[in-house]
Amino acid sequence: MRWLMNIFWLGIKELRSLASDLVVVIFLVYAFTAAIYLQATSMKSTLNSASIAFVDDDHSALSQEVAKAFYFPYFKQPDYITAGEIEKAMDKSLYMFVVAIPPMFERDLRAGRHPDIQLNIDATAMQQGSIGANYIQNIVNNRVSSYLGRADAQPGQPAKLIIRRLFNPKR
């Protein structure tokens, strides 16, 4: 029983020394309240209403089908822009993602080639950008695979997504 009394008095001694150190008390209160609340409510691990635009240089049924695959709640309604507008739109933070589909995309896929699709990401939102890149790659590959849907198609990714990160220091 003596050891319980020792633990009790040592605990009281530690609480007194803690109460005399204001900086440690403030840190402990912050660490177990505000820091936990901020972490729980700030960054999301999923994408929510991300702005996206498409540069459709192919104008095929497949490229339109790919653009239609992006919908709420993960993405806002996709906009269509030209290749010359990409950097200006990204600098103004109009879009978090811009997907550029090259000319003759569907024809190259049907011919068995693996064309590249360019994905421009606003790198000021790094975590959302990386999560969104994975979402976009999966959506594009799934939509292209289901669109082509032929039995003799080789397994693997039908299109290669090339990621290009842009940083806007003004944001």
N, C-alpha and C. Protein backbone atom coordinates (compact mmCIF):
# COMPACT_ATOMS: atom_id res chain seq x y z
N MET A 1 0.81 -1.19 0.00
CA MET A 1 0.00 0.00 0.00
C MET A 1 0.85 1.26 0.00
N ARG A 2 2.06 1.14 0.52
CA ARG A 2 2.96 2.29 0.58
C ARG A 2 3.27 2.81 -0.82
N TRP A 3 3.38 1.90 -1.80
CA TRP A 3 3.72 2.32 -3.16
C TRP A 3 2.60 3.14 -3.79
N LEU A 4 1.34 2.89 -3.40
CA LEU A 4 0.23 3.71 -3.89
C LEU A 4 0.33 5.14 -3.35
N MET A 5 0.72 5.28 -2.11
CA MET A 5 0.89 6.61 -1.51
C MET A 5 2.04 7.36 -2.19
N ASN A 6 3.13 6.62 -2.51
CA ASN A 6 4.26 7.24 -3.23
C ASN A 6 3.82 7.76 -4.60
N ILE A 7 3.05 6.95 -5.31
CA ILE A 7 2.56 7.36 -6.63
C ILE A 7 1.65 8.58 -6.49
N PHE A 8 0.78 8.57 -5.51
CA PHE A 8 -0.12 9.70 -5.29
C PHE A 8 0.65 10.98 -5.05
N TRP A 9 1.64 10.97 -4.11
CA TRP A 9 2.39 12.18 -3.78
C TRP A 9 3.29 12.62 -4.94
N LEU A 10 3.82 11.67 -5.68
CA LEU A 10 4.62 12.05 -6.86
C LEU A 10 3.72 12.70 -7.93
N GLY A 11 2.52 12.19 -8.08
CA GLY A 11 1.57 12.79 -9.03
C GLY A 11 1.20 14.21 -8.62
N ILE A 12 0.96 14.42 -7.32
CA ILE A 12 0.64 15.77 -6.82
C ILE A 12 1.82 16.70 -7.07
N LYS A 13 3.04 16.22 -6.84
CA LYS A 13 4.24 17.04 -7.06
C LYS A 13 4.35 17.44 -8.53
N GLU A 14 4.09 16.51 -9.43
CA GLU A 14 4.17 16.80 -10.88
C GLU A 14 3.09 17.79 -11.30
N LEU A 15 1.89 17.65 -10.78
CA LEU A 15 0.81 18.58 -11.12
C LEU A 15 1.12 19.99 -10.63
N ARG A 16 1.75 20.12 -9.43
CA ARG A 16 2.14 21.44 -8.92
C ARG A 16 3.20 22.07 -9.82
N SER A 17 4.21 21.27 -10.21
CA SER A 17 5.25 21.83 -11.08
C SER A 17 4.68 22.19 -12.45
N LEU A 18 3.72 21.40 -12.92
CA LEU A 18 3.07 21.71 -14.20
C LEU A 18 2.27 23.00 -14.10
N ALA A 19 1.56 23.19 -13.02
CA ALA A 19 0.73 24.39 -12.83
C ALA A 19 1.59 25.64 -12.76
N SER A 20 2.83 25.52 -12.35
CA SER A 20 3.70 26.69 -12.25
C SER A 20 4.33 27.05 -13.59
N ASP A 21 4.23 26.20 -14.58
CA ASP A 21 4.82 26.46 -15.91
C ASP A 21 3.69 26.78 -16.89
N LEU A 22 3.40 28.06 -17.09
CA LEU A 22 2.28 28.51 -17.91
C LEU A 22 2.42 28.09 -19.38
N VAL A 23 3.63 28.11 -19.91
CA VAL A 23 3.85 27.76 -21.32
C VAL A 23 3.46 26.30 -21.57
N VAL A 24 3.85 25.41 -20.70
CA VAL A 24 3.52 24.00 -20.86
C VAL A 24 2.01 23.78 -20.73
N VAL A 25 1.36 24.48 -19.81
CA VAL A 25 -0.09 24.35 -19.64
C VAL A 25 -0.80 24.81 -20.92
N ILE A 26 -0.39 25.96 -21.47
CA ILE A 26 -0.99 26.46 -22.71
C ILE A 26 -0.78 25.46 -23.85
N PHE A 27 0.44 24.93 -23.95
CA PHE A 27 0.72 23.95 -25.01
C PHE A 27 -0.15 22.70 -24.86
N LEU A 28 -0.30 22.20 -23.65
CA LEU A 28 -1.10 21.00 -23.44
C LEU A 28 -2.57 21.24 -23.77
N VAL A 29 -3.09 22.39 -23.38
CA VAL A 29 -4.48 22.71 -23.70
C VAL A 29 -4.65 22.81 -25.21
N TYR A 30 -3.71 23.50 -25.88
CA TYR A 30 -3.78 23.61 -27.34
C TYR A 30 -3.67 22.24 -28.01
N ALA A 31 -2.71 21.43 -27.59
CA ALA A 31 -2.44 20.15 -28.24
C ALA A 31 -3.62 19.19 -28.13
N PHE A 32 -4.35 19.26 -27.04
CA PHE A 32 -5.45 18.31 -26.85
C PHE A 32 -6.83 18.88 -27.15
N THR A 33 -6.88 20.13 -27.64
CA THR A 33 -8.17 20.69 -28.03
C THR A 33 -8.09 21.28 -29.44
N ALA A 34 -7.51 22.45 -29.56
CA ALA A 34 -7.51 23.16 -30.84
C ALA A 34 -6.78 22.41 -31.94
N ALA A 35 -5.64 21.83 -31.64
CA ALA A 35 -4.88 21.11 -32.68
C ALA A 35 -5.67 19.91 -33.22
N ILE A 36 -6.34 19.21 -32.36
CA ILE A 36 -7.14 18.05 -32.79
C ILE A 36 -8.33 18.52 -33.61
N TYR A 37 -9.00 19.59 -33.15
CA TYR A 37 -10.14 20.11 -33.89
C TYR A 37 -9.72 20.61 -35.28
N LEU A 38 -8.63 21.35 -35.35
CA LEU A 38 -8.16 21.87 -36.63
C LEU A 38 -7.79 20.74 -37.59
N GLN A 39 -7.13 19.74 -37.10
CA GLN A 39 -6.75 18.60 -37.95
C GLN A 39 -7.98 17.85 -38.45
N ALA A 40 -8.96 17.73 -37.61
CA ALA A 40 -10.16 16.97 -37.98
C ALA A 40 -11.04 17.72 -38.97
N THR A 41 -11.01 19.03 -38.96
CA THR A 41 -11.93 19.79 -39.80
C THR A 41 -11.27 20.46 -41.00
N SER A 42 -9.96 20.50 -41.09
CA SER A 42 -9.33 21.28 -42.15
C SER A 42 -9.22 20.50 -43.46
N MET A 43 -8.25 19.65 -43.62
CA MET A 43 -8.01 18.97 -44.89
C MET A 43 -8.89 17.74 -45.05
N LYS A 44 -9.48 17.64 -46.18
CA LYS A 44 -10.27 16.47 -46.51
C LYS A 44 -9.40 15.49 -47.31
N SER A 45 -9.65 14.23 -47.15
CA SER A 45 -8.88 13.24 -47.90
C SER A 45 -9.62 12.81 -49.16
N THR A 46 -10.70 13.50 -49.48
CA THR A 46 -11.41 13.24 -50.73
C THR A 46 -11.57 14.55 -51.48
N LEU A 47 -11.89 14.43 -52.72
CA LEU A 47 -12.09 15.60 -53.57
C LEU A 47 -13.53 16.05 -53.45
N ASN A 48 -13.74 17.37 -53.42
CA ASN A 48 -15.10 17.89 -53.30
C ASN A 48 -15.25 19.14 -54.16
N SER A 49 -16.07 19.04 -55.20
CA SER A 49 -16.38 20.15 -56.09
C SER A 49 -15.15 20.82 -56.67
N ALA A 50 -14.23 20.02 -57.15
CA ALA A 50 -13.02 20.56 -57.78
C ALA A 50 -13.36 21.10 -59.17
N SER A 51 -12.79 22.24 -59.49
CA SER A 51 -13.05 22.84 -60.81
C SER A 51 -12.17 22.15 -61.85
N ILE A 52 -12.78 21.83 -62.99
CA ILE A 52 -12.07 21.09 -64.03
C ILE A 52 -12.46 21.65 -65.39
N ALA A 53 -11.49 21.66 -66.30
CA ALA A 53 -11.74 22.10 -67.67
C ALA A 53 -11.11 21.10 -68.62
N PHE A 54 -11.62 21.05 -69.85
CA PHE A 54 -11.10 20.15 -70.87
C PHE A 54 -10.67 20.94 -72.09
N VAL A 55 -9.54 20.54 -72.64
CA VAL A 55 -9.10 21.01 -73.94
C VAL A 55 -9.32 19.82 -74.86
N ASP A 56 -10.38 19.86 -75.64
CA ASP A 56 -10.76 18.73 -76.49
C ASP A 56 -10.33 19.01 -77.93
N ASP A 57 -9.11 18.58 -78.26
CA ASP A 57 -8.61 18.74 -79.63
C ASP A 57 -9.03 17.58 -80.52
N ASP A 58 -9.65 16.56 -79.95
CA ASP A 58 -10.08 15.39 -80.72
C ASP A 58 -11.50 15.56 -81.26
N HIS A 59 -12.40 16.09 -80.46
CA HIS A 59 -13.81 16.28 -80.82
C HIS A 59 -14.47 14.99 -81.27
N SER A 60 -14.07 13.88 -80.67
CA SER A 60 -14.67 12.59 -81.01
C SER A 60 -15.71 12.23 -79.95
N ALA A 61 -16.45 11.17 -80.23
CA ALA A 61 -17.44 10.69 -79.27
C ALA A 61 -16.76 10.23 -77.97
N LEU A 62 -15.58 9.64 -78.10
CA LEU A 62 -14.85 9.17 -76.93
C LEU A 62 -14.40 10.33 -76.06
N SER A 63 -13.86 11.37 -76.65
CA SER A 63 -13.39 12.51 -75.84
C SER A 63 -14.57 13.19 -75.14
N GLN A 64 -15.71 13.25 -75.79
CA GLN A 64 -16.89 13.82 -75.14
C GLN A 64 -17.38 12.91 -74.02
N GLU A 65 -17.27 11.60 -74.23
CA GLU A 65 -17.67 10.63 -73.20
C GLU A 65 -16.76 10.74 -71.97
N VAL A 66 -15.48 10.95 -72.20
CA VAL A 66 -14.53 11.13 -71.09
C VAL A 66 -14.88 12.38 -70.30
N ALA A 67 -15.18 13.46 -70.98
CA ALA A 67 -15.52 14.72 -70.29
C ALA A 67 -16.81 14.59 -69.49
N LYS A 68 -17.75 13.80 -69.99
CA LYS A 68 -19.02 13.62 -69.28
C LYS A 68 -18.89 12.76 -68.03
N ALA A 69 -17.76 12.07 -67.89
CA ALA A 69 -17.57 11.17 -66.75
C ALA A 69 -17.26 11.92 -65.45
N PHE A 70 -17.00 13.20 -65.55
CA PHE A 70 -16.65 13.99 -64.36
C PHE A 70 -17.88 14.74 -63.89
N TYR A 71 -18.36 14.39 -62.71
CA TYR A 71 -19.59 14.99 -62.22
C TYR A 71 -19.53 15.15 -60.71
N PHE A 72 -20.51 15.87 -60.20
CA PHE A 72 -20.65 16.17 -58.79
C PHE A 72 -20.79 14.88 -57.99
N PRO A 73 -20.29 14.77 -56.80
CA PRO A 73 -19.76 15.74 -55.88
C PRO A 73 -18.25 15.95 -55.98
N TYR A 74 -17.56 15.10 -56.73
CA TYR A 74 -16.11 15.22 -56.80
C TYR A 74 -15.67 16.41 -57.65
N PHE A 75 -16.36 16.66 -58.75
CA PHE A 75 -15.98 17.72 -59.67
C PHE A 75 -17.17 18.61 -59.98
N LYS A 76 -16.87 19.85 -60.30
CA LYS A 76 -17.90 20.76 -60.80
C LYS A 76 -18.17 20.40 -62.26
N GLN A 77 -19.18 21.02 -62.84
CA GLN A 77 -19.49 20.80 -64.26
C GLN A 77 -18.26 21.20 -65.08
N PRO A 78 -17.74 20.31 -65.93
CA PRO A 78 -16.53 20.64 -66.70
C PRO A 78 -16.78 21.75 -67.71
N ASP A 79 -15.78 22.61 -67.88
CA ASP A 79 -15.80 23.65 -68.90
C ASP A 79 -14.88 23.22 -70.04
N TYR A 80 -15.08 23.79 -71.20
CA TYR A 80 -14.22 23.54 -72.34
C TYR A 80 -13.46 24.82 -72.66
N ILE A 81 -12.14 24.70 -72.78
CA ILE A 81 -11.29 25.83 -73.11
C ILE A 81 -10.34 25.40 -74.23
N THR A 82 -9.59 26.35 -74.74
CA THR A 82 -8.59 26.04 -75.78
C THR A 82 -7.23 25.88 -75.13
N ALA A 83 -6.31 25.31 -75.88
CA ALA A 83 -4.96 25.07 -75.35
C ALA A 83 -4.27 26.39 -74.98
N GLY A 84 -4.55 27.45 -75.70
CA GLY A 84 -3.93 28.73 -75.41
C GLY A 84 -4.44 29.37 -74.12
N GLU A 85 -5.56 28.92 -73.62
CA GLU A 85 -6.14 29.50 -72.41
C GLU A 85 -5.73 28.78 -71.13
N ILE A 86 -5.00 27.69 -71.25
CA ILE A 86 -4.68 26.87 -70.07
C ILE A 86 -3.91 27.66 -69.03
N GLU A 87 -2.77 28.23 -69.41
CA GLU A 87 -1.92 28.90 -68.41
C GLU A 87 -2.60 30.12 -67.82
N LYS A 88 -3.30 30.88 -68.63
CA LYS A 88 -3.99 32.07 -68.10
C LYS A 88 -5.07 31.66 -67.11
N ALA A 89 -5.83 30.62 -67.44
CA ALA A 89 -6.89 30.15 -66.55
C ALA A 89 -6.32 29.57 -65.25
N MET A 90 -5.20 28.86 -65.36
CA MET A 90 -4.58 28.29 -64.16
C MET A 90 -3.96 29.40 -63.30
N ASP A 91 -3.38 30.42 -63.93
CA ASP A 91 -2.81 31.53 -63.16
C ASP A 91 -3.89 32.29 -62.40
N LYS A 92 -5.08 32.38 -62.97
CA LYS A 92 -6.19 33.06 -62.31
C LYS A 92 -6.92 32.15 -61.33
N SER A 93 -6.46 30.91 -61.18
CA SER A 93 -7.07 29.90 -60.29
C SER A 93 -8.52 29.62 -60.66
N LEU A 94 -8.83 29.63 -61.95
CA LEU A 94 -10.18 29.30 -62.39
C LEU A 94 -10.43 27.80 -62.31
N TYR A 95 -9.38 27.01 -62.53
CA TYR A 95 -9.52 25.55 -62.55
C TYR A 95 -8.42 24.92 -61.72
N MET A 96 -8.78 23.88 -60.99
CA MET A 96 -7.79 23.10 -60.26
C MET A 96 -7.15 22.09 -61.21
N PHE A 97 -7.93 21.59 -62.18
CA PHE A 97 -7.44 20.61 -63.14
C PHE A 97 -7.84 21.03 -64.55
N VAL A 98 -6.92 20.82 -65.48
CA VAL A 98 -7.22 20.99 -66.91
C VAL A 98 -6.72 19.74 -67.61
N VAL A 99 -7.64 19.04 -68.29
CA VAL A 99 -7.32 17.81 -69.01
C VAL A 99 -7.26 18.14 -70.49
N ALA A 100 -6.12 17.85 -71.11
CA ALA A 100 -5.95 18.13 -72.54
C ALA A 100 -5.97 16.82 -73.32
N ILE A 101 -6.97 16.65 -74.15
CA ILE A 101 -7.11 15.45 -74.98
C ILE A 101 -6.55 15.77 -76.35
N PRO A 102 -5.57 15.00 -76.82
CA PRO A 102 -4.89 15.33 -78.08
C PRO A 102 -5.74 15.03 -79.31
N PRO A 103 -5.38 15.61 -80.44
CA PRO A 103 -6.07 15.30 -81.69
C PRO A 103 -5.91 13.81 -82.03
N MET A 104 -6.89 13.25 -82.67
CA MET A 104 -6.90 11.85 -83.12
C MET A 104 -6.73 10.86 -81.96
N PHE A 105 -7.25 11.22 -80.80
CA PHE A 105 -7.14 10.38 -79.61
C PHE A 105 -7.87 9.05 -79.80
N GLU A 106 -9.13 9.13 -80.21
CA GLU A 106 -9.92 7.90 -80.39
C GLU A 106 -9.33 7.03 -81.50
N ARG A 107 -8.93 7.64 -82.58
CA ARG A 107 -8.37 6.88 -83.70
C ARG A 107 -7.09 6.14 -83.27
N ASP A 108 -6.23 6.82 -82.52
CA ASP A 108 -5.00 6.18 -82.05
C ASP A 108 -5.31 5.02 -81.10
N LEU A 109 -6.29 5.18 -80.24
CA LEU A 109 -6.66 4.09 -79.33
C LEU A 109 -7.19 2.88 -80.10
N ARG A 110 -8.04 3.14 -81.07
CA ARG A 110 -8.59 2.04 -81.87
C ARG A 110 -7.52 1.36 -82.71
N ALA A 111 -6.46 2.09 -83.03
CA ALA A 111 -5.35 1.51 -83.80
C ALA A 111 -4.38 0.75 -82.91
N GLY A 112 -4.62 0.74 -81.60
CA GLY A 112 -3.76 -0.02 -80.70
C GLY A 112 -2.63 0.80 -80.10
N ARG A 113 -2.55 2.06 -80.44
CA ARG A 113 -1.53 2.92 -79.84
C ARG A 113 -2.05 3.43 -78.49
N HIS A 114 -1.15 3.91 -77.68
CA HIS A 114 -1.51 4.42 -76.35
C HIS A 114 -1.20 5.91 -76.30
N PRO A 115 -2.13 6.74 -76.72
CA PRO A 115 -1.87 8.19 -76.72
C PRO A 115 -1.82 8.75 -75.31
N ASP A 116 -1.14 9.88 -75.18
CA ASP A 116 -1.02 10.55 -73.89
C ASP A 116 -2.10 11.61 -73.74
N ILE A 117 -2.61 11.72 -72.53
CA ILE A 117 -3.52 12.80 -72.17
C ILE A 117 -2.78 13.65 -71.16
N GLN A 118 -2.78 14.96 -71.37
CA GLN A 118 -2.08 15.84 -70.45
C GLN A 118 -3.03 16.31 -69.36
N LEU A 119 -2.55 16.25 -68.12
CA LEU A 119 -3.33 16.74 -66.98
C LEU A 119 -2.54 17.86 -66.33
N ASN A 120 -3.10 19.05 -66.32
CA ASN A 120 -2.49 20.21 -65.66
C ASN A 120 -3.15 20.36 -64.30
N ILE A 121 -2.31 20.50 -63.26
CA ILE A 121 -2.81 20.58 -61.89
C ILE A 121 -2.33 21.89 -61.26
N ASP A 122 -3.23 22.58 -60.59
CA ASP A 122 -2.86 23.75 -59.82
C ASP A 122 -2.14 23.25 -58.57
N ALA A 123 -0.84 23.45 -58.52
CA ALA A 123 -0.02 22.88 -57.45
C ALA A 123 -0.11 23.66 -56.14
N THR A 124 -0.90 24.72 -56.09
CA THR A 124 -1.05 25.42 -54.82
C THR A 124 -1.91 24.62 -53.85
N ALA A 125 -2.69 23.70 -54.37
CA ALA A 125 -3.48 22.80 -53.52
C ALA A 125 -2.89 21.40 -53.70
N MET A 126 -1.76 21.15 -53.05
CA MET A 126 -0.98 19.94 -53.32
C MET A 126 -1.71 18.65 -52.98
N GLN A 127 -2.30 18.56 -51.81
CA GLN A 127 -2.96 17.32 -51.42
C GLN A 127 -4.17 17.05 -52.31
N GLN A 128 -4.99 18.08 -52.54
CA GLN A 128 -6.15 17.91 -53.41
C GLN A 128 -5.72 17.60 -54.83
N GLY A 129 -4.62 18.20 -55.27
CA GLY A 129 -4.11 17.95 -56.62
C GLY A 129 -3.67 16.51 -56.80
N SER A 130 -3.00 15.98 -55.81
CA SER A 130 -2.54 14.60 -55.93
C SER A 130 -3.69 13.61 -55.83
N ILE A 131 -4.65 13.87 -54.96
CA ILE A 131 -5.83 13.01 -54.87
C ILE A 131 -6.62 13.09 -56.17
N GLY A 132 -6.81 14.31 -56.67
CA GLY A 132 -7.55 14.50 -57.91
C GLY A 132 -6.89 13.85 -59.10
N ALA A 133 -5.56 13.86 -59.15
CA ALA A 133 -4.84 13.22 -60.26
C ALA A 133 -5.15 11.73 -60.30
N ASN A 134 -5.19 11.11 -59.14
CA ASN A 134 -5.52 9.68 -59.09
C ASN A 134 -6.97 9.43 -59.51
N TYR A 135 -7.89 10.28 -59.04
CA TYR A 135 -9.29 10.15 -59.45
C TYR A 135 -9.43 10.28 -60.96
N ILE A 136 -8.79 11.31 -61.51
CA ILE A 136 -8.90 11.58 -62.94
C ILE A 136 -8.31 10.43 -63.75
N GLN A 137 -7.16 9.92 -63.33
CA GLN A 137 -6.55 8.81 -64.06
C GLN A 137 -7.47 7.59 -64.06
N ASN A 138 -8.06 7.28 -62.92
CA ASN A 138 -8.97 6.14 -62.85
C ASN A 138 -10.22 6.35 -63.69
N ILE A 139 -10.78 7.56 -63.62
CA ILE A 139 -12.00 7.85 -64.39
C ILE A 139 -11.73 7.76 -65.89
N VAL A 140 -10.63 8.36 -66.33
CA VAL A 140 -10.30 8.34 -67.76
C VAL A 140 -10.06 6.90 -68.23
N ASN A 141 -9.26 6.15 -67.50
CA ASN A 141 -8.97 4.77 -67.91
C ASN A 141 -10.22 3.90 -67.91
N ASN A 142 -11.07 4.06 -66.90
CA ASN A 142 -12.30 3.27 -66.86
C ASN A 142 -13.24 3.63 -68.00
N ARG A 143 -13.37 4.92 -68.28
CA ARG A 143 -14.28 5.35 -69.34
C ARG A 143 -13.76 4.92 -70.72
N VAL A 144 -12.46 5.04 -70.93
CA VAL A 144 -11.89 4.62 -72.22
C VAL A 144 -12.03 3.11 -72.39
N SER A 145 -11.74 2.36 -71.34
CA SER A 145 -11.87 0.89 -71.42
C SER A 145 -13.30 0.47 -71.70
N SER A 146 -14.26 1.09 -71.00
CA SER A 146 -15.65 0.70 -71.23
C SER A 146 -16.14 1.17 -72.59
N TYR A 147 -15.63 2.28 -73.09
CA TYR A 147 -16.05 2.78 -74.40
C TYR A 147 -15.54 1.87 -75.52
N LEU A 148 -14.28 1.51 -75.41
CA LEU A 148 -13.71 0.64 -76.45
C LEU A 148 -14.31 -0.76 -76.34
N GLY A 149 -14.33 -1.30 -75.13
CA GLY A 149 -14.99 -2.56 -74.80
C GLY A 149 -14.85 -3.69 -75.79
N ARG A 150 -13.74 -3.89 -76.34
CA ARG A 150 -13.58 -4.99 -77.29
C ARG A 150 -12.86 -6.15 -76.61
N ALA A 151 -13.14 -7.31 -77.02
CA ALA A 151 -12.62 -8.53 -76.38
C ALA A 151 -11.13 -8.70 -76.62
N ASP A 152 -10.62 -8.18 -77.73
CA ASP A 152 -9.21 -8.39 -78.04
C ASP A 152 -8.33 -7.29 -77.46
N ALA A 153 -8.91 -6.42 -76.64
CA ALA A 153 -8.12 -5.34 -76.05
C ALA A 153 -7.12 -5.92 -75.06
N GLN A 154 -5.93 -5.35 -75.08
CA GLN A 154 -4.89 -5.82 -74.18
C GLN A 154 -5.15 -5.27 -72.79
N PRO A 155 -4.87 -6.06 -71.73
CA PRO A 155 -5.05 -5.53 -70.38
C PRO A 155 -4.04 -4.42 -70.12
N GLY A 156 -4.37 -3.59 -69.19
CA GLY A 156 -3.49 -2.47 -68.86
C GLY A 156 -4.21 -1.16 -69.07
N GLN A 157 -3.46 -0.12 -68.97
CA GLN A 157 -4.06 1.20 -69.11
C GLN A 157 -4.16 1.56 -70.58
N PRO A 158 -5.35 1.92 -71.06
CA PRO A 158 -5.51 2.25 -72.46
C PRO A 158 -4.89 3.59 -72.83
N ALA A 159 -4.84 4.52 -71.90
CA ALA A 159 -4.25 5.82 -72.17
C ALA A 159 -3.33 6.18 -71.03
N LYS A 160 -2.25 6.87 -71.35
CA LYS A 160 -1.29 7.27 -70.34
C LYS A 160 -1.55 8.72 -69.97
N LEU A 161 -1.70 8.98 -68.68
CA LEU A 161 -1.97 10.32 -68.19
C LEU A 161 -0.64 10.99 -67.85
N ILE A 162 -0.35 12.10 -68.50
CA ILE A 162 0.87 12.86 -68.24
C ILE A 162 0.48 14.02 -67.34
N ILE A 163 1.09 14.08 -66.15
CA ILE A 163 0.74 15.10 -65.17
C ILE A 163 1.71 16.26 -65.26
N ARG A 164 1.15 17.47 -65.30
CA ARG A 164 1.95 18.68 -65.34
C ARG A 164 1.46 19.58 -64.22
N ARG A 165 2.31 19.86 -63.24
CA ARG A 165 1.92 20.67 -62.09
C ARG A 165 2.32 22.13 -62.34
N LEU A 166 1.38 23.02 -62.09
CA LEU A 166 1.63 24.45 -62.23
C LEU A 166 1.53 25.09 -60.86
N PHE A 167 2.44 26.03 -60.58
CA PHE A 167 2.43 26.72 -59.29
C PHE A 167 2.12 28.18 -59.52
N ASN A 168 1.14 28.70 -58.80
CA ASN A 168 0.76 30.10 -58.91
C ASN A 168 1.18 30.80 -57.62
N PRO A 169 2.31 31.51 -57.64
CA PRO A 169 2.78 32.13 -56.39
C PRO A 169 1.91 33.28 -55.91
N LYS A 170 1.01 33.79 -56.75
CA LYS A 170 0.15 34.90 -56.36
C LYS A 170 -1.00 34.45 -55.49
N ARG A 171 -1.27 33.17 -55.44
CA ARG A 171 -2.42 32.64 -54.70
C ARG A 171 -2.08 32.36 -53.28
